[in-house]
Amino acid sequence: MKITFSPIQHAIDLIDQIAADPSDPRHAAATAVMKEMEEAIAPPALTAAVGGNDELEVDSGTFMSHTDEGAWVQTWTWVPRDRVPELYPDDGEPEPSDEESPEP
């Protein structure tokens, strides 16, 4: 399983390594977690139904949560730095970019 956000991917890789080693005492728990994660991956038809635009993106293999009436699908939403100036130090203008909405 591959997720694009690095800290989460590192945790998934660690759980995957534990699940692959039957001699590890945490093997059963890690195997159960990996199964739950695989079941939470949105199928391509669901991610395609979300669509996308310049401010909203859906990764392939993203997570979902089913309800009786539909599903919630994890997305990336672009927020320009001028909408949250408190998160950026007052160090001048941002560096120019070739993209309006950079990839996550």
PDB file of N, CA and C in Angstrom:
ATOM      1  N   MET A   1       0.847  -1.161   0.000  1.00  0.00           N
ATOM      2  CA  MET A   1       0.000   0.000   0.000  1.00  0.00           C
ATOM      3  C   MET A   1       0.901   1.235   0.000  1.00  0.00           C
ATOM      4  N   LYS A   2       0.617   2.217  -0.864  1.00  0.00           N
ATOM      5  CA  LYS A   2       1.410   3.443  -0.925  1.00  0.00           C
ATOM      6  C   LYS A   2       0.527   4.659  -0.730  1.00  0.00           C
ATOM      7  N   ILE A   3       0.908   5.513   0.192  1.00  0.00           N
ATOM      8  CA  ILE A   3       0.253   6.783   0.472  1.00  0.00           C
ATOM      9  C   ILE A   3       1.302   7.855   0.204  1.00  0.00           C
ATOM     10  N   THR A   4       0.875   9.009  -0.305  1.00  0.00           N
ATOM     11  CA  THR A   4       1.865  10.008  -0.704  1.00  0.00           C
ATOM     12  C   THR A   4       2.401  10.853   0.439  1.00  0.00           C
ATOM     13  N   PHE A   5       1.716  10.943   1.551  1.00  0.00           N
ATOM     14  CA  PHE A   5       2.166  11.776   2.661  1.00  0.00           C
ATOM     15  C   PHE A   5       3.212  11.007   3.453  1.00  0.00           C
ATOM     16  N   SER A   6       4.457  11.452   3.453  1.00  0.00           N
ATOM     17  CA  SER A   6       5.600  10.693   3.970  1.00  0.00           C
ATOM     18  C   SER A   6       5.489  10.182   5.404  1.00  0.00           C
ATOM     19  N   PRO A   7       5.123  10.980   6.407  1.00  0.00           N
ATOM     20  CA  PRO A   7       5.060  10.419   7.767  1.00  0.00           C
ATOM     21  C   PRO A   7       4.067   9.267   7.877  1.00  0.00           C
ATOM     22  N   ILE A   8       2.927   9.391   7.215  1.00  0.00           N
ATOM     23  CA  ILE A   8       1.946   8.303   7.232  1.00  0.00           C
ATOM     24  C   ILE A   8       2.509   7.096   6.500  1.00  0.00           C
ATOM     25  N   GLN A   9       3.192   7.332   5.389  1.00  0.00           N
ATOM     26  CA  GLN A   9       3.762   6.216   4.632  1.00  0.00           C
ATOM     27  C   GLN A   9       4.805   5.479   5.463  1.00  0.00           C
ATOM     28  N   HIS A  10       5.596   6.195   6.235  1.00  0.00           N
ATOM     29  CA  HIS A  10       6.592   5.543   7.094  1.00  0.00           C
ATOM     30  C   HIS A  10       5.908   4.644   8.123  1.00  0.00           C
ATOM     31  N   ALA A  11       4.816   5.118   8.712  1.00  0.00           N
ATOM     32  CA  ALA A  11       4.084   4.304   9.686  1.00  0.00           C
ATOM     33  C   ALA A  11       3.487   3.068   9.018  1.00  0.00           C
ATOM     34  N   ILE A  12       2.933   3.232   7.838  1.00  0.00           N
ATOM     35  CA  ILE A  12       2.358   2.099   7.104  1.00  0.00           C
ATOM     36  C   ILE A  12       3.446   1.092   6.751  1.00  0.00           C
ATOM     37  N   ASP A  13       4.600   1.572   6.312  1.00  0.00           N
ATOM     38  CA  ASP A  13       5.714   0.673   5.990  1.00  0.00           C
ATOM     39  C   ASP A  13       6.141  -0.138   7.213  1.00  0.00           C
ATOM     40  N   LEU A  14       6.190   0.511   8.373  1.00  0.00           N
ATOM     41  CA  LEU A  14       6.573  -0.177   9.602  1.00  0.00           C
ATOM     42  C   LEU A  14       5.549  -1.260   9.962  1.00  0.00           C
ATOM     43  N   ILE A  15       4.271  -0.921   9.892  1.00  0.00           N
ATOM     44  CA  ILE A  15       3.226  -1.909  10.182  1.00  0.00           C
ATOM     45  C   ILE A  15       3.292  -3.050   9.168  1.00  0.00           C
ATOM     46  N   ASP A  16       3.533  -2.711   7.913  1.00  0.00           N
ATOM     47  CA  ASP A  16       3.644  -3.734   6.859  1.00  0.00           C
ATOM     48  C   ASP A  16       4.816  -4.682   7.133  1.00  0.00           C
ATOM     49  N   GLN A  17       5.952  -4.158   7.587  1.00  0.00           N
ATOM     50  CA  GLN A  17       7.109  -5.003   7.924  1.00  0.00           C
ATOM     51  C   GLN A  17       6.784  -5.945   9.076  1.00  0.00           C
ATOM     52  N   ILE A  18       6.101  -5.432  10.079  1.00  0.00           N
ATOM     53  CA  ILE A  18       5.722  -6.270  11.216  1.00  0.00           C
ATOM     54  C   ILE A  18       4.746  -7.350  10.765  1.00  0.00           C
ATOM     55  N   ALA A  19       3.781  -6.978   9.926  1.00  0.00           N
ATOM     56  CA  ALA A  19       2.787  -7.942   9.436  1.00  0.00           C
ATOM     57  C   ALA A  19       3.431  -9.024   8.574  1.00  0.00           C
ATOM     58  N   ALA A  20       4.539  -8.722   7.927  1.00  0.00           N
ATOM     59  CA  ALA A  20       5.208  -9.694   7.053  1.00  0.00           C
ATOM     60  C   ALA A  20       6.073 -10.684   7.821  1.00  0.00           C
ATOM     61  N   ASP A  21       6.279 -10.458   9.112  1.00  0.00           N
ATOM     62  CA  ASP A  21       7.151 -11.320   9.913  1.00  0.00           C
ATOM     63  C   ASP A  21       6.330 -12.114  10.937  1.00  0.00           C
ATOM     64  N   PRO A  22       5.961 -13.366  10.600  1.00  0.00           N
ATOM     65  CA  PRO A  22       5.132 -14.164  11.509  1.00  0.00           C
ATOM     66  C   PRO A  22       5.772 -14.404  12.875  1.00  0.00           C
ATOM     67  N   SER A  23       7.100 -14.274  12.991  1.00  0.00           N
ATOM     68  CA  SER A  23       7.756 -14.500  14.276  1.00  0.00           C
ATOM     69  C   SER A  23       7.663 -13.274  15.195  1.00  0.00           C
ATOM     70  N   ASP A  24       7.269 -12.134  14.657  1.00  0.00           N
ATOM     71  CA  ASP A  24       7.141 -10.925  15.471  1.00  0.00           C
ATOM     72  C   ASP A  24       5.903 -11.058  16.353  1.00  0.00           C
ATOM     73  N   PRO A  25       6.016 -10.804  17.664  1.00  0.00           N
ATOM     74  CA  PRO A  25       4.857 -10.933  18.554  1.00  0.00           C
ATOM     75  C   PRO A  25       3.708  -9.975  18.204  1.00  0.00           C
ATOM     76  N   ARG A  26       4.007  -8.930  17.439  1.00  0.00           N
ATOM     77  CA  ARG A  26       2.969  -7.970  17.027  1.00  0.00           C
ATOM     78  C   ARG A  26       2.353  -8.325  15.682  1.00  0.00           C
ATOM     79  N   HIS A  27       2.736  -9.476  15.119  1.00  0.00           N
ATOM     80  CA  HIS A  27       2.310  -9.887  13.785  1.00  0.00           C
ATOM     81  C   HIS A  27       0.783  -9.887  13.628  1.00  0.00           C
ATOM     82  N   ALA A  28       0.054 -10.522  14.529  1.00  0.00           N
ATOM     83  CA  ALA A  28      -1.407 -10.629  14.399  1.00  0.00           C
ATOM     84  C   ALA A  28      -2.060  -9.252  14.421  1.00  0.00           C
ATOM     85  N   ALA A  29      -1.614  -8.393  15.324  1.00  0.00           N
ATOM     86  CA  ALA A  29      -2.187  -7.047  15.414  1.00  0.00           C
ATOM     87  C   ALA A  29      -1.876  -6.240  14.152  1.00  0.00           C
ATOM     88  N   ALA A  30      -0.642  -6.340  13.669  1.00  0.00           N
ATOM     89  CA  ALA A  30      -0.260  -5.600  12.466  1.00  0.00           C
ATOM     90  C   ALA A  30      -1.019  -6.110  11.250  1.00  0.00           C
ATOM     91  N   THR A  31      -1.215  -7.424  11.166  1.00  0.00           N
ATOM     92  CA  THR A  31      -1.965  -8.001  10.051  1.00  0.00           C
ATOM     93  C   THR A  31      -3.410  -7.492  10.074  1.00  0.00           C
ATOM     94  N   ALA A  32      -4.001  -7.417  11.254  1.00  0.00           N
ATOM     95  CA  ALA A  32      -5.371  -6.916  11.374  1.00  0.00           C
ATOM     96  C   ALA A  32      -5.468  -5.448  10.964  1.00  0.00           C
ATOM     97  N   VAL A  33      -4.480  -4.652  11.367  1.00  0.00           N
ATOM     98  CA  VAL A  33      -4.471  -3.230  10.998  1.00  0.00           C
ATOM     99  C   VAL A  33      -4.336  -3.074   9.485  1.00  0.00           C
ATOM    100  N   MET A  34      -3.448  -3.841   8.865  1.00  0.00           N
ATOM    101  CA  MET A  34      -3.272  -3.748   7.412  1.00  0.00           C
ATOM    102  C   MET A  34      -4.562  -4.141   6.678  1.00  0.00           C
ATOM    103  N   LYS A  35      -5.263  -5.148   7.176  1.00  0.00           N
ATOM    104  CA  LYS A  35      -6.529  -5.557   6.553  1.00  0.00           C
ATOM    105  C   LYS A  35      -7.551  -4.432   6.656  1.00  0.00           C
ATOM    106  N   GLU A  36      -7.661  -3.816   7.822  1.00  0.00           N
ATOM    107  CA  GLU A  36      -8.586  -2.696   7.998  1.00  0.00           C
ATOM    108  C   GLU A  36      -8.233  -1.536   7.069  1.00  0.00           C
ATOM    109  N   MET A  37      -6.934  -1.253   6.930  1.00  0.00           N
ATOM    110  CA  MET A  37      -6.513  -0.161   6.055  1.00  0.00           C
ATOM    111  C   MET A  37      -6.843  -0.466   4.602  1.00  0.00           C
ATOM    112  N   GLU A  38      -6.606  -1.695   4.173  1.00  0.00           N
ATOM    113  CA  GLU A  38      -6.907  -2.065   2.790  1.00  0.00           C
ATOM    114  C   GLU A  38      -8.402  -1.951   2.508  1.00  0.00           C
ATOM    115  N   GLU A  39      -9.238  -2.295   3.490  1.00  0.00           N
ATOM    116  CA  GLU A  39     -10.688  -2.181   3.319  1.00  0.00           C
ATOM    117  C   GLU A  39     -11.146  -0.728   3.293  1.00  0.00           C
ATOM    118  N   ALA A  40     -10.339   0.175   3.822  1.00  0.00           N
ATOM    119  CA  ALA A  40     -10.694   1.597   3.863  1.00  0.00           C
ATOM    120  C   ALA A  40     -10.230   2.357   2.628  1.00  0.00           C
ATOM    121  N   ILE A  41      -9.534   1.680   1.717  1.00  0.00           N
ATOM    122  CA  ILE A  41      -9.073   2.344   0.490  1.00  0.00           C
ATOM    123  C   ILE A  41     -10.255   2.513  -0.462  1.00  0.00           C
ATOM    124  N   ALA A  42     -10.450   3.718  -0.941  1.00  0.00           N
ATOM    125  CA  ALA A  42     -11.548   3.997  -1.863  1.00  0.00           C
ATOM    126  C   ALA A  42     -11.273   3.354  -3.217  1.00  0.00           C
ATOM    127  N   PRO A  43     -12.263   2.668  -3.781  1.00  0.00           N
ATOM    128  CA  PRO A  43     -12.074   2.086  -5.118  1.00  0.00           C
ATOM    129  C   PRO A  43     -12.001   3.198  -6.168  1.00  0.00           C
ATOM    130  N   PRO A  44     -11.373   2.928  -7.316  1.00  0.00           N
ATOM    131  CA  PRO A  44     -11.220   3.951  -8.360  1.00  0.00           C
ATOM    132  C   PRO A  44     -12.538   4.607  -8.778  1.00  0.00           C
ATOM    133  N   ALA A  45     -13.625   3.842  -8.829  1.00  0.00           N
ATOM    134  CA  ALA A  45     -14.909   4.429  -9.228  1.00  0.00           C
ATOM    135  C   ALA A  45     -15.342   5.518  -8.248  1.00  0.00           C
ATOM    136  N   LEU A  46     -15.063   5.322  -6.983  1.00  0.00           N
ATOM    137  CA  LEU A  46     -15.442   6.309  -5.972  1.00  0.00           C
ATOM    138  C   LEU A  46     -14.560   7.546  -6.058  1.00  0.00           C
ATOM    139  N   THR A  47     -13.258   7.369  -6.226  1.00  0.00           N
ATOM    140  CA  THR A  47     -12.381   8.545  -6.337  1.00  0.00           C
ATOM    141  C   THR A  47     -12.682   9.320  -7.619  1.00  0.00           C
ATOM    142  N   ALA A  48     -13.041   8.620  -8.685  1.00  0.00           N
ATOM    143  CA  ALA A  48     -13.395   9.303  -9.937  1.00  0.00           C
ATOM    144  C   ALA A  48     -14.686  10.099  -9.776  1.00  0.00           C
ATOM    145  N   ALA A  49     -15.610   9.601  -8.962  1.00  0.00           N
ATOM    146  CA  ALA A  49     -16.879  10.294  -8.746  1.00  0.00           C
ATOM    147  C   ALA A  49     -16.688  11.617  -8.021  1.00  0.00           C
ATOM    148  N   VAL A  50     -15.609  11.740  -7.252  1.00  0.00           N
ATOM    149  CA  VAL A  50     -15.340  12.989  -6.538  1.00  0.00           C
ATOM    150  C   VAL A  50     -14.949  14.074  -7.522  1.00  0.00           C
ATOM    151  N   GLY A  51     -14.220  13.698  -8.564  1.00  0.00           N
ATOM    152  CA  GLY A  51     -13.733  14.689  -9.516  1.00  0.00           C
ATOM    153  C   GLY A  51     -12.547  15.428  -8.938  1.00  0.00           C
ATOM    154  N   GLY A  52     -12.340  16.618  -9.368  1.00  0.00           N
ATOM    155  CA  GLY A  52     -11.228  17.418  -8.884  1.00  0.00           C
ATOM    156  C   GLY A  52     -11.184  18.711  -9.665  1.00  0.00           C
ATOM    157  N   ASN A  53     -10.401  19.640  -9.166  1.00  0.00           N
ATOM    158  CA  ASN A  53     -10.206  20.914  -9.851  1.00  0.00           C
ATOM    159  C   ASN A  53      -8.882  21.490  -9.378  1.00  0.00           C
ATOM    160  N   ASP A  54      -8.652  22.766  -9.635  1.00  0.00           N
ATOM    161  CA  ASP A  54      -7.373  23.370  -9.250  1.00  0.00           C
ATOM    162  C   ASP A  54      -7.180  23.442  -7.736  1.00  0.00           C
ATOM    163  N   GLU A  55      -8.272  23.347  -6.974  1.00  0.00           N
ATOM    164  CA  GLU A  55      -8.163  23.479  -5.524  1.00  0.00           C
ATOM    165  C   GLU A  55      -8.496  22.195  -4.768  1.00  0.00           C
ATOM    166  N   LEU A  56      -8.908  21.149  -5.473  1.00  0.00           N
ATOM    167  CA  LEU A  56      -9.289  19.893  -4.830  1.00  0.00           C
ATOM    168  C   LEU A  56      -8.707  18.728  -5.627  1.00  0.00           C
ATOM    169  N   GLU A  57      -7.970  17.855  -4.942  1.00  0.00           N
ATOM    170  CA  GLU A  57      -7.384  16.690  -5.597  1.00  0.00           C
ATOM    171  C   GLU A  57      -7.658  15.441  -4.776  1.00  0.00           C
ATOM    172  N   VAL A  58      -7.786  14.328  -5.486  1.00  0.00           N
ATOM    173  CA  VAL A  58      -7.994  13.033  -4.846  1.00  0.00           C
ATOM    174  C   VAL A  58      -6.866  12.120  -5.301  1.00  0.00           C
ATOM    175  N   ASP A  59      -6.128  11.561  -4.338  1.00  0.00           N
ATOM    176  CA  ASP A  59      -5.077  10.604  -4.674  1.00  0.00           C
ATOM    177  C   ASP A  59      -5.695   9.252  -4.999  1.00  0.00           C
ATOM    178  N   SER A  60      -5.064   8.512  -5.912  1.00  0.00           N
ATOM    179  CA  SER A  60      -5.485   7.125  -6.077  1.00  0.00           C
ATOM    180  C   SER A  60      -5.076   6.389  -4.806  1.00  0.00           C
ATOM    181  N   GLY A  61      -5.887   5.474  -4.364  1.00  0.00           N
ATOM    182  CA  GLY A  61      -5.581   4.757  -3.132  1.00  0.00           C
ATOM    183  C   GLY A  61      -5.868   5.560  -1.879  1.00  0.00           C
ATOM    184  N   THR A  62      -6.718   6.573  -1.982  1.00  0.00           N
ATOM    185  CA  THR A  62      -7.050   7.384  -0.821  1.00  0.00           C
ATOM    186  C   THR A  62      -8.043   6.657   0.085  1.00  0.00           C
ATOM    187  N   PHE A  63      -8.204   7.142   1.284  1.00  0.00           N
ATOM    188  CA  PHE A  63      -9.094   6.492   2.239  1.00  0.00           C
ATOM    189  C   PHE A  63     -10.528   6.977   2.108  1.00  0.00           C
ATOM    190  N   MET A  64     -11.459   6.121   2.542  1.00  0.00           N
ATOM    191  CA  MET A  64     -12.881   6.444   2.502  1.00  0.00           C
ATOM    192  C   MET A  64     -13.544   5.963   3.779  1.00  0.00           C
ATOM    193  N   SER A  65     -14.744   6.453   4.009  1.00  0.00           N
ATOM    194  CA  SER A  65     -15.581   5.990   5.107  1.00  0.00           C
ATOM    195  C   SER A  65     -17.001   5.865   4.565  1.00  0.00           C
ATOM    196  N   HIS A  66     -17.525   4.644   4.558  1.00  0.00           N
ATOM    197  CA  HIS A  66     -18.876   4.388   4.038  1.00  0.00           C
ATOM    198  C   HIS A  66     -19.942   4.758   5.055  1.00  0.00           C
ATOM    199  N   THR A  67     -21.074   5.254   4.557  1.00  0.00           N
ATOM    200  CA  THR A  67     -22.276   5.416   5.363  1.00  0.00           C
ATOM    201  C   THR A  67     -23.404   4.752   4.582  1.00  0.00           C
ATOM    202  N   ASP A  68     -24.588   4.683   5.162  1.00  0.00           N
ATOM    203  CA  ASP A  68     -25.729   4.101   4.450  1.00  0.00           C
ATOM    204  C   ASP A  68     -26.136   4.935   3.246  1.00  0.00           C
ATOM    205  N   GLU A  69     -25.810   6.217   3.265  1.00  0.00           N
ATOM    206  CA  GLU A  69     -26.259   7.123   2.219  1.00  0.00           C
ATOM    207  C   GLU A  69     -25.173   7.543   1.245  1.00  0.00           C
ATOM    208  N   GLY A  70     -23.941   7.086   1.443  1.00  0.00           N
ATOM    209  CA  GLY A  70     -22.847   7.478   0.567  1.00  0.00           C
ATOM    210  C   GLY A  70     -21.511   7.193   1.215  1.00  0.00           C
ATOM    211  N   ALA A  71     -20.514   7.958   0.828  1.00  0.00           N
ATOM    212  CA  ALA A  71     -19.170   7.754   1.376  1.00  0.00           C
ATOM    213  C   ALA A  71     -18.439   9.080   1.474  1.00  0.00           C
ATOM    214  N   TRP A  72     -17.608   9.194   2.492  1.00  0.00           N
ATOM    215  CA  TRP A  72     -16.681  10.306   2.629  1.00  0.00           C
ATOM    216  C   TRP A  72     -15.371   9.856   2.011  1.00  0.00           C
ATOM    217  N   VAL A  73     -14.764  10.710   1.191  1.00  0.00           N
ATOM    218  CA  VAL A  73     -13.509  10.380   0.521  1.00  0.00           C
ATOM    219  C   VAL A  73     -12.472  11.423   0.905  1.00  0.00           C
ATOM    220  N   GLN A  74     -11.290  10.951   1.316  1.00  0.00           N
ATOM    221  CA  GLN A  74     -10.204  11.849   1.707  1.00  0.00           C
ATOM    222  C   GLN A  74      -9.705  12.596   0.475  1.00  0.00           C
ATOM    223  N   THR A  75      -9.544  13.908   0.606  1.00  0.00           N
ATOM    224  CA  THR A  75      -9.048  14.734  -0.499  1.00  0.00           C
ATOM    225  C   THR A  75      -7.976  15.693   0.005  1.00  0.00           C
ATOM    226  N   TRP A  76      -7.277  16.277  -0.948  1.00  0.00           N
ATOM    227  CA  TRP A  76      -6.345  17.369  -0.679  1.00  0.00           C
ATOM    228  C   TRP A  76      -7.036  18.649  -1.144  1.00  0.00           C
ATOM    229  N   THR A  77      -7.034  19.659  -0.295  1.00  0.00           N
ATOM    230  CA  THR A  77      -7.619  20.947  -0.653  1.00  0.00           C
ATOM    231  C   THR A  77      -6.530  22.012  -0.584  1.00  0.00           C
ATOM    232  N   TRP A  78      -6.371  22.759  -1.670  1.00  0.00           N
ATOM    233  CA  TRP A  78      -5.354  23.807  -1.741  1.00  0.00           C
ATOM    234  C   TRP A  78      -5.807  25.018  -0.935  1.00  0.00           C
ATOM    235  N   VAL A  79      -4.943  25.495  -0.051  1.00  0.00           N
ATOM    236  CA  VAL A  79      -5.191  26.716   0.724  1.00  0.00           C
ATOM    237  C   VAL A  79      -3.989  27.625   0.526  1.00  0.00           C
ATOM    238  N   PRO A  80      -4.160  28.743  -0.181  1.00  0.00           N
ATOM    239  CA  PRO A  80      -3.026  29.647  -0.377  1.00  0.00           C
ATOM    240  C   PRO A  80      -2.592  30.293   0.936  1.00  0.00           C
ATOM    241  N   ARG A  81      -1.327  30.582   1.029  1.00  0.00           N
ATOM    242  CA  ARG A  81      -0.767  31.099   2.278  1.00  0.00           C
ATOM    243  C   ARG A  81      -1.384  32.417   2.724  1.00  0.00           C
ATOM    244  N   ASP A  82      -1.895  33.218   1.790  1.00  0.00           N
ATOM    245  CA  ASP A  82      -2.504  34.480   2.204  1.00  0.00           C
ATOM    246  C   ASP A  82      -3.837  34.274   2.935  1.00  0.00           C
ATOM    247  N   ARG A  83      -4.416  33.062   2.872  1.00  0.00           N
ATOM    248  CA  ARG A  83      -5.645  32.763   3.613  1.00  0.00           C
ATOM    249  C   ARG A  83      -5.356  32.384   5.063  1.00  0.00           C
ATOM    250  N   VAL A  84      -4.101  32.043   5.368  1.00  0.00           N
ATOM    251  CA  VAL A  84      -3.710  31.659   6.737  1.00  0.00           C
ATOM    252  C   VAL A  84      -2.369  32.298   7.080  1.00  0.00           C
ATOM    253  N   PRO A  85      -2.285  33.618   7.082  1.00  0.00           N
ATOM    254  CA  PRO A  85      -1.001  34.291   7.310  1.00  0.00           C
ATOM    255  C   PRO A  85      -0.379  33.960   8.664  1.00  0.00           C
ATOM    256  N   GLU A  86      -1.201  33.556   9.634  1.00  0.00           N
ATOM    257  CA  GLU A  86      -0.655  33.226  10.956  1.00  0.00           C
ATOM    258  C   GLU A  86       0.225  31.975  10.917  1.00  0.00           C
ATOM    259  N   LEU A  87       0.139  31.176   9.872  1.00  0.00           N
ATOM    260  CA  LEU A  87       0.982  29.985   9.754  1.00  0.00           C
ATOM    261  C   LEU A  87       2.330  30.269   9.097  1.00  0.00           C
ATOM    262  N   TYR A  88       2.505  31.472   8.584  1.00  0.00           N
ATOM    263  CA  TYR A  88       3.737  31.825   7.874  1.00  0.00           C
ATOM    264  C   TYR A  88       4.408  33.014   8.550  1.00  0.00           C
ATOM    265  N   PRO A  89       5.702  32.911   8.805  1.00  0.00           N
ATOM    266  CA  PRO A  89       6.397  34.052   9.412  1.00  0.00           C
ATOM    267  C   PRO A  89       6.403  35.238   8.452  1.00  0.00           C
ATOM    268  N   ASP A  90       6.476  36.407   9.011  1.00  0.00           N
ATOM    269  CA  ASP A  90       6.487  37.619   8.205  1.00  0.00           C
ATOM    270  C   ASP A  90       7.884  37.825   7.623  1.00  0.00           C
ATOM    271  N   ASP A  91       8.217  36.989   6.631  1.00  0.00           N
ATOM    272  CA  ASP A  91       9.555  37.051   6.043  1.00  0.00           C
ATOM    273  C   ASP A  91       9.512  37.515   4.589  1.00  0.00           C
ATOM    274  N   GLY A  92       8.519  38.291   4.242  1.00  0.00           N
ATOM    275  CA  GLY A  92       8.455  38.815   2.888  1.00  0.00           C
ATOM    276  C   GLY A  92       7.548  37.997   1.997  1.00  0.00           C
ATOM    277  N   GLU A  93       7.688  38.233   0.722  1.00  0.00           N
ATOM    278  CA  GLU A  93       6.843  37.573  -0.276  1.00  0.00           C
ATOM    279  C   GLU A  93       7.255  36.117  -0.477  1.00  0.00           C
ATOM    280  N   PRO A  94       6.291  35.247  -0.798  1.00  0.00           N
ATOM    281  CA  PRO A  94       6.651  33.869  -1.123  1.00  0.00           C
ATOM    282  C   PRO A  94       7.446  33.815  -2.420  1.00  0.00           C
ATOM    283  N   GLU A  95       8.261  32.790  -2.548  1.00  0.00           N
ATOM    284  CA  GLU A  95       9.041  32.631  -3.769  1.00  0.00           C
ATOM    285  C   GLU A  95       8.121  32.365  -4.948  1.00  0.00           C
ATOM    286  N   PRO A  96       8.454  32.884  -6.137  1.00  0.00           N
ATOM    287  CA  PRO A  96       7.605  32.652  -7.305  1.00  0.00           C
ATOM    288  C   PRO A  96       7.536  31.166  -7.637  1.00  0.00           C
ATOM    289  N   SER A  97       6.409  30.763  -8.209  1.00  0.00           N
ATOM    290  CA  SER A  97       6.201  29.373  -8.549  1.00  0.00           C
ATOM    291  C   SER A  97       5.640  29.274  -9.961  1.00  0.00           C
ATOM    292  N   ASP A  98       5.970  28.170 -10.634  1.00  0.00           N
ATOM    293  CA  ASP A  98       5.413  27.933 -11.963  1.00  0.00           C
ATOM    294  C   ASP A  98       3.980  27.427 -11.869  1.00  0.00           C
ATOM    295  N   GLU A  99       3.583  26.962 -10.700  1.00  0.00           N
ATOM    296  CA  GLU A  99       2.251  26.394 -10.509  1.00  0.00           C
ATOM    297  C   GLU A  99       1.443  27.283  -9.582  1.00  0.00           C
ATOM    298  N   GLU A 100       0.143  27.395  -9.867  1.00  0.00           N
ATOM    299  CA  GLU A 100      -0.720  28.131  -8.967  1.00  0.00           C
ATOM    300  C   GLU A 100      -1.026  27.308  -7.730  1.00  0.00           C
ATOM    301  N   SER A 101      -1.259  26.024  -7.897  1.00  0.00           N
ATOM    302  CA  SER A 101      -1.580  25.129  -6.792  1.00  0.00           C
ATOM    303  C   SER A 101      -0.580  23.969  -6.830  1.00  0.00           C
ATOM    304  N   PRO A 102       0.481  24.020  -6.025  1.00  0.00           N
ATOM    305  CA  PRO A 102       1.483  22.960  -6.060  1.00  0.00           C
ATOM    306  C   PRO A 102       0.914  21.619  -5.596  1.00  0.00           C
ATOM    307  N   GLU A 103       1.534  20.545  -6.058  1.00  0.00           N
ATOM    308  CA  GLU A 103       1.126  19.192  -5.651  1.00  0.00           C
ATOM    309  C   GLU A 103       1.409  19.000  -4.177  1.00  0.00           C
ATOM    310  N   PRO A 104       0.541  18.240  -3.479  1.00  0.00           N
ATOM    311  CA  PRO A 104       0.807  17.963  -2.053  1.00  0.00           C
ATOM    312  C   PRO A 104       2.012  17.080  -1.880  1.00  0.00           C
TER     313      PRO A 104
END
